[in-house]
Amino acid sequence: MSLTSENAMNIAHVLGEALPYIQRFTGKTIVIKYGGNAMVDDALKSSFARDVVLMKLVGINPVVVHGGGPQIGQLLEKIGKQSEFIEGMRVTDSETMNVVEMVLGGLVNKEIVSLINQHGGKAVGLTGKDGSLIRARKMTFTRNKPEMKVPEIIDIGHVGEVETINTAVVDMLVQGDFIPVIAPIGVGKDGQAYNINADLVAGKLAETLKAEKLILLTNTKGLLDKDGKLLTGLSSQRVDELIADGTIHGGMLPKIGSALEAVRNGVQTSHIIDGRVQHAVMLEIFTDEGVGTLIRS
């Protein structure tokens, strides 16, 4: 198909719009939490991999953190083990933790690495165990209801939170022109493995790496107001107000919590973007419009 004059001008416009963003972000680190539909739809998987490779080629340093909840659930179902959730968190006994490590550190991680490499990148897969990357501690979970005389402490097993992050292995890979792909598995002082929320790991990693941006892919347009309209540029104070009035609630709260904490601890901007849009990462970084919600301190 021959290139029409109109198409040529559109391409030139897009490239011209991208140039100042490339100049601004060259040499900067961008942490991307990869999950949702973008991880299961073939066209979206391919476009994500291409976006990450392009970022690296123009001098940006992408670091990918991925989830894998649906894949864990599918394998547990195959082996006849029931998935149990409390307040949205997977109860993780020793047997479930073995499956988590197999799925996140093996199947899912290596598929992402392979996909990026197929598109011309140089990706290396890690878990928090590698190079003592993520030191974790057991997450304590307390349920407090009006009818209770004292709060109930619930043990949800091998579920952890980030204690510290040692970025030495990530720094080494980035300096060697590799793209780190990280599974959110941490390790405790006693060597015990812990399953950690991927949004939380991505946020803490962005803070520790002093990243320019934290990008969280979701299965929604971004943050929506009570009328369902997309909220774009928000200050951290405005986000606090939206949480207080109930606009932000439910499953979006942990994601927003990670995004807010990141910008309050040195990350320039956090982005909640629609991972159902092809090339969502590229559109958010390299165009004026973007495809989601931007949060700044």
Protein backbone atom coordinates (compact mmCIF):
# COMPACT_ATOMS: atom_id res chain seq x y z
CA MET A 1 0.00 0.00 0.00
CA SER A 2 1.46 3.35 -1.02
CA LEU A 3 1.89 6.06 1.61
CA THR A 4 -0.51 8.94 1.07
CA SER A 5 0.46 12.54 1.79
CA GLU A 6 -1.99 12.62 4.74
CA ASN A 7 -0.57 9.42 6.26
CA ALA A 8 2.97 10.72 5.83
CA MET A 9 2.08 13.94 7.66
CA ASN A 10 0.45 11.96 10.49
CA ILE A 11 3.58 9.85 10.90
CA ALA A 12 5.78 12.96 10.88
CA HIS A 13 3.53 14.58 13.50
CA VAL A 14 3.72 11.55 15.79
CA LEU A 15 7.51 11.36 15.53
CA GLY A 16 7.82 15.10 16.11
CA GLU A 17 5.59 14.90 19.18
CA ALA A 18 7.70 12.05 20.60
CA LEU A 19 11.06 13.84 20.21
CA PRO A 20 10.92 16.13 23.29
CA TYR A 21 9.81 13.21 25.47
CA ILE A 22 12.70 11.07 24.22
CA GLN A 23 15.11 13.93 24.97
CA ARG A 24 13.62 14.45 28.44
CA PHE A 25 13.68 10.79 29.50
CA THR A 26 16.94 9.57 27.95
CA GLY A 27 19.05 8.03 30.71
CA LYS A 28 16.10 7.94 33.13
CA THR A 29 14.60 4.83 34.75
CA ILE A 30 10.92 3.96 34.33
CA VAL A 31 9.41 1.14 36.41
CA ILE A 32 6.43 -0.61 34.80
CA LYS A 33 4.03 -2.93 36.60
CA TYR A 34 2.76 -5.35 33.94
CA GLY A 35 -0.47 -7.24 34.53
CA GLY A 36 -4.14 -7.62 33.68
CA ASN A 37 -5.40 -8.08 30.11
CA ALA A 38 -2.05 -6.93 28.73
CA MET A 39 -0.58 -10.21 30.02
CA VAL A 40 -3.11 -12.59 28.45
CA ASP A 41 -4.13 -11.08 25.08
CA ASP A 42 -1.60 -11.96 22.34
CA ALA A 43 -1.82 -8.61 20.50
CA LEU A 44 -1.44 -6.67 23.78
CA LYS A 45 1.49 -8.86 24.88
CA SER A 46 3.27 -8.18 21.61
CA SER A 47 2.64 -4.41 21.74
CA PHE A 48 3.90 -4.24 25.34
CA ALA A 49 7.11 -6.04 24.42
CA ARG A 50 7.69 -3.70 21.46
CA ASP A 51 7.10 -0.64 23.67
CA VAL A 52 9.67 -1.83 26.22
CA VAL A 53 12.25 -2.58 23.51
CA LEU A 54 11.70 0.85 21.91
CA MET A 55 12.19 2.56 25.27
CA LYS A 56 15.54 0.84 25.70
CA LEU A 57 16.62 1.64 22.14
CA VAL A 58 16.04 5.39 22.63
CA GLY A 59 18.08 5.45 25.85
CA ILE A 60 15.39 4.99 28.53
CA ASN A 61 15.91 2.29 31.18
CA PRO A 62 12.71 0.24 31.63
CA VAL A 63 12.41 -2.10 34.62
CA VAL A 64 9.42 -4.47 34.50
CA VAL A 65 7.63 -5.94 37.53
CA HIS A 66 4.87 -8.42 36.74
CA GLY A 67 1.92 -10.06 38.44
CA GLY A 68 0.30 -13.39 37.63
CA GLY A 69 -2.74 -13.95 39.85
CA PRO A 70 -4.99 -15.55 37.19
CA GLN A 71 -2.21 -17.92 36.09
CA ILE A 72 -1.63 -18.96 39.73
CA GLY A 73 -5.37 -19.58 40.13
CA GLN A 74 -5.49 -21.71 36.96
CA LEU A 75 -2.63 -23.98 38.08
CA LEU A 76 -4.07 -24.35 41.59
CA GLU A 77 -7.37 -25.38 40.01
CA LYS A 78 -5.59 -27.98 37.84
CA ILE A 79 -4.03 -29.61 40.90
CA GLY A 80 -7.36 -29.52 42.73
CA LYS A 81 -6.50 -26.82 45.27
CA GLN A 82 -9.09 -24.20 46.13
CA SER A 83 -8.04 -20.53 45.95
CA GLU A 84 -9.01 -18.61 49.08
CA PHE A 85 -8.99 -14.82 49.40
CA ILE A 86 -9.37 -12.57 52.45
CA GLU A 87 -9.93 -8.87 51.71
CA GLY A 88 -8.59 -9.44 48.19
CA MET A 89 -5.37 -11.17 49.32
CA ARG A 90 -4.63 -14.77 48.42
CA VAL A 91 -4.24 -17.05 51.43
CA THR A 92 -0.87 -18.68 50.76
CA ASP A 93 0.06 -21.86 52.61
CA SER A 94 3.31 -23.75 51.88
CA GLU A 95 1.82 -25.76 49.00
CA THR A 96 0.31 -22.63 47.42
CA MET A 97 3.64 -20.80 47.81
CA ASN A 98 5.36 -23.55 45.82
CA VAL A 99 2.84 -22.97 43.02
CA VAL A 100 3.31 -19.18 43.27
CA GLU A 101 7.08 -19.54 42.86
CA MET A 102 6.66 -21.95 39.95
CA VAL A 103 4.20 -19.69 38.12
CA LEU A 104 5.65 -16.24 38.87
CA GLY A 105 9.37 -17.08 38.93
CA GLY A 106 9.14 -19.66 36.15
CA LEU A 107 6.28 -19.78 33.65
CA VAL A 108 5.15 -16.14 33.62
CA ASN A 109 8.56 -14.54 34.11
CA LYS A 110 10.22 -16.55 31.34
CA GLU A 111 7.36 -15.94 28.92
CA ILE A 112 7.78 -12.15 29.35
CA VAL A 113 11.55 -12.41 29.02
CA SER A 114 11.20 -14.50 25.86
CA LEU A 115 8.66 -12.08 24.35
CA ILE A 116 10.89 -9.04 24.90
CA ASN A 117 13.87 -10.90 23.47
CA GLN A 118 11.86 -11.96 20.40
CA HIS A 119 11.24 -8.28 19.68
CA GLY A 120 14.92 -7.38 19.79
CA GLY A 121 15.47 -6.61 23.46
CA LYS A 122 17.84 -8.17 25.98
CA ALA A 123 15.68 -9.12 28.96
CA VAL A 124 16.78 -11.02 32.08
CA GLY A 125 14.32 -12.57 34.53
CA LEU A 126 14.68 -12.26 38.31
CA THR A 127 12.78 -12.92 41.50
CA GLY A 128 13.35 -11.07 44.75
CA LYS A 129 15.54 -13.98 45.83
CA ASP A 130 18.17 -13.20 43.17
CA GLY A 131 21.00 -11.07 44.49
CA SER A 132 18.96 -10.54 47.69
CA LEU A 133 16.88 -8.10 45.66
CA ILE A 134 13.75 -8.05 47.87
CA ARG A 135 14.00 -8.58 51.61
CA ALA A 136 10.49 -9.29 52.86
CA ARG A 137 8.66 -9.68 56.13
CA LYS A 138 5.42 -11.48 56.83
CA MET A 139 2.36 -9.31 56.33
CA THR A 140 0.16 -9.03 59.38
CA PHE A 141 -3.53 -8.70 58.64
CA THR A 142 -6.01 -7.39 61.19
CA ARG A 143 -9.78 -7.42 60.80
CA ASN A 144 -11.68 -4.96 62.97
CA LYS A 145 -15.49 -4.92 62.94
CA PRO A 146 -17.86 -2.89 65.17
CA GLU A 147 -19.26 -6.04 66.80
CA MET A 148 -15.77 -7.25 67.82
CA LYS A 149 -14.46 -6.49 71.31
CA VAL A 150 -10.89 -6.85 70.11
CA PRO A 151 -9.46 -6.85 66.54
CA GLU A 152 -9.03 -10.28 64.92
CA ILE A 153 -5.49 -11.09 63.73
CA ILE A 154 -5.68 -13.33 60.65
CA ASP A 155 -2.79 -15.46 59.35
CA ILE A 156 -2.83 -15.46 55.54
CA GLY A 157 0.35 -17.51 55.27
CA HIS A 158 3.32 -16.72 53.05
CA VAL A 159 2.12 -13.24 52.06
CA GLY A 160 4.70 -10.55 52.60
CA GLU A 161 5.47 -6.89 52.35
CA VAL A 162 8.69 -5.21 51.28
CA GLU A 163 11.18 -4.57 54.06
CA THR A 164 14.16 -3.44 51.95
CA ILE A 165 15.26 -3.52 48.32
CA ASN A 166 18.88 -4.05 47.27
CA THR A 167 19.13 -2.74 43.71
CA ALA A 168 22.72 -3.87 43.03
CA VAL A 169 21.71 -6.66 40.62
CA VAL A 170 19.21 -4.39 38.83
CA ASP A 171 21.80 -1.60 38.50
CA MET A 172 24.29 -4.09 37.05
CA LEU A 173 21.79 -5.32 34.46
CA VAL A 174 20.69 -1.82 33.45
CA GLN A 175 24.31 -0.71 33.03
CA GLY A 176 24.90 -3.79 30.87
CA ASP A 177 22.06 -2.73 28.55
CA PHE A 178 19.68 -5.46 29.78
CA ILE A 179 15.99 -5.10 30.69
CA PRO A 180 15.23 -6.56 34.17
CA VAL A 181 11.95 -8.47 34.45
CA ILE A 182 11.10 -9.04 38.12
CA ALA A 183 8.68 -11.49 39.76
CA PRO A 184 7.29 -10.15 43.08
CA ILE A 185 8.64 -12.86 45.37
CA GLY A 186 10.60 -11.72 48.42
CA VAL A 187 12.70 -13.60 50.92
CA GLY A 188 12.69 -13.28 54.70
CA LYS A 189 15.65 -13.26 57.08
CA ASP A 190 15.09 -16.97 57.66
CA GLY A 191 15.15 -17.74 53.92
CA GLN A 192 11.37 -18.14 53.72
CA ALA A 193 9.81 -17.06 50.41
CA TYR A 194 6.89 -14.59 50.42
CA ASN A 195 4.32 -13.69 47.80
CA ILE A 196 4.10 -9.87 47.56
CA ASN A 197 1.59 -7.65 45.75
CA ALA A 198 3.20 -6.65 42.43
CA ASP A 199 1.97 -3.03 42.63
CA LEU A 200 3.64 -2.71 46.02
CA VAL A 201 6.94 -4.14 44.72
CA ALA A 202 6.86 -1.85 41.66
CA GLY A 203 6.27 1.22 43.84
CA LYS A 204 9.05 0.40 46.31
CA LEU A 205 11.43 -0.44 43.47
CA ALA A 206 10.66 2.89 41.75
CA GLU A 207 11.41 4.74 45.00
CA THR A 208 14.69 2.90 45.61
CA LEU A 209 15.87 3.29 42.01
CA LYS A 210 14.91 7.00 42.09
CA ALA A 211 12.88 6.36 38.95
CA GLU A 212 11.48 9.14 36.80
CA LYS A 213 8.12 7.37 36.47
CA LEU A 214 6.10 4.51 37.90
CA ILE A 215 3.59 3.08 35.41
CA LEU A 216 0.87 0.68 36.59
CA LEU A 217 -1.11 -1.15 33.89
CA THR A 218 -4.75 -1.86 34.77
CA ASN A 219 -7.93 -3.17 33.18
CA THR A 220 -9.61 0.24 33.46
CA LYS A 221 -9.19 3.60 31.73
CA GLY A 222 -7.44 4.92 34.83
CA LEU A 223 -8.97 6.74 37.78
CA LEU A 224 -12.62 7.59 37.21
CA ASP A 225 -14.79 10.13 38.98
CA LYS A 226 -18.25 9.27 40.36
CA ASP A 227 -19.77 9.92 36.91
CA GLY A 228 -17.36 7.48 35.26
CA LYS A 229 -15.25 10.18 33.60
CA LEU A 230 -11.47 9.78 33.41
CA LEU A 231 -9.44 11.90 35.82
CA THR A 232 -6.13 12.86 34.22
CA GLY A 233 -3.55 15.08 35.95
CA LEU A 234 -3.95 14.85 39.74
CA SER A 235 -1.95 16.12 42.69
CA SER A 236 -1.34 13.79 45.63
CA GLN A 237 -3.57 16.06 47.74
CA ARG A 238 -6.44 15.66 45.25
CA VAL A 239 -6.02 11.88 45.33
CA ASP A 240 -6.28 11.96 49.14
CA GLU A 241 -9.57 13.85 48.78
CA LEU A 242 -10.90 11.27 46.29
CA ILE A 243 -10.06 8.46 48.71
CA ALA A 244 -11.71 10.31 51.60
CA ASP A 245 -14.98 10.86 49.70
CA GLY A 246 -15.13 7.26 48.48
CA THR A 247 -14.50 7.96 44.77
CA ILE A 248 -11.44 5.71 44.95
CA HIS A 249 -12.31 2.44 46.68
CA GLY A 250 -12.03 -1.34 46.60
CA GLY A 251 -9.40 -2.97 44.42
CA MET A 252 -8.04 0.37 43.20
CA LEU A 253 -6.91 1.40 46.71
CA PRO A 254 -3.70 -0.71 46.92
CA LYS A 255 -2.68 0.43 43.42
CA ILE A 256 -3.29 4.08 44.28
CA GLY A 257 -1.49 3.62 47.60
CA SER A 258 1.64 2.45 45.78
CA ALA A 259 1.40 5.27 43.25
CA LEU A 260 0.94 7.92 45.96
CA GLU A 261 3.77 6.64 48.14
CA ALA A 262 6.10 6.60 45.14
CA VAL A 263 5.54 10.27 44.23
CA ARG A 264 5.83 11.27 47.89
CA ASN A 265 9.21 9.53 48.06
CA GLY A 266 10.97 11.02 45.06
CA VAL A 267 9.43 9.47 41.94
CA GLN A 268 8.45 12.36 39.63
CA THR A 269 5.13 10.97 38.41
CA SER A 270 2.98 7.85 38.76
CA HIS A 271 0.64 6.71 36.00
CA ILE A 272 -2.41 4.44 36.17
CA ILE A 273 -2.95 3.45 32.53
CA ASP A 274 -5.28 1.29 30.47
CA GLY A 275 -3.43 -1.91 29.62
CA ARG A 276 -6.27 -2.94 27.26
CA VAL A 277 -5.05 -0.33 24.73
CA GLN A 278 -2.37 -1.49 22.31
CA HIS A 279 0.95 0.33 22.86
CA ALA A 280 -0.44 1.91 26.04
CA VAL A 281 3.04 2.39 27.54
CA MET A 282 4.36 4.12 24.42
CA LEU A 283 1.31 6.37 24.18
CA GLU A 284 1.61 7.40 27.83
CA ILE A 285 5.32 8.21 27.65
CA PHE A 286 5.73 9.67 24.16
CA THR A 287 2.48 11.59 23.44
CA ASP A 288 0.80 14.69 24.84
CA GLU A 289 -2.53 12.95 25.52
CA GLY A 290 -1.55 9.68 27.20
CA VAL A 291 -3.99 6.87 28.03
CA GLY A 292 -4.65 7.12 31.74
CA THR A 293 -4.28 9.06 34.98
CA LEU A 294 -1.09 10.92 35.93
CA ILE A 295 -0.35 11.61 39.60
CA ARG A 296 2.34 14.04 40.74
CA SER A 297 3.39 15.18 44.21
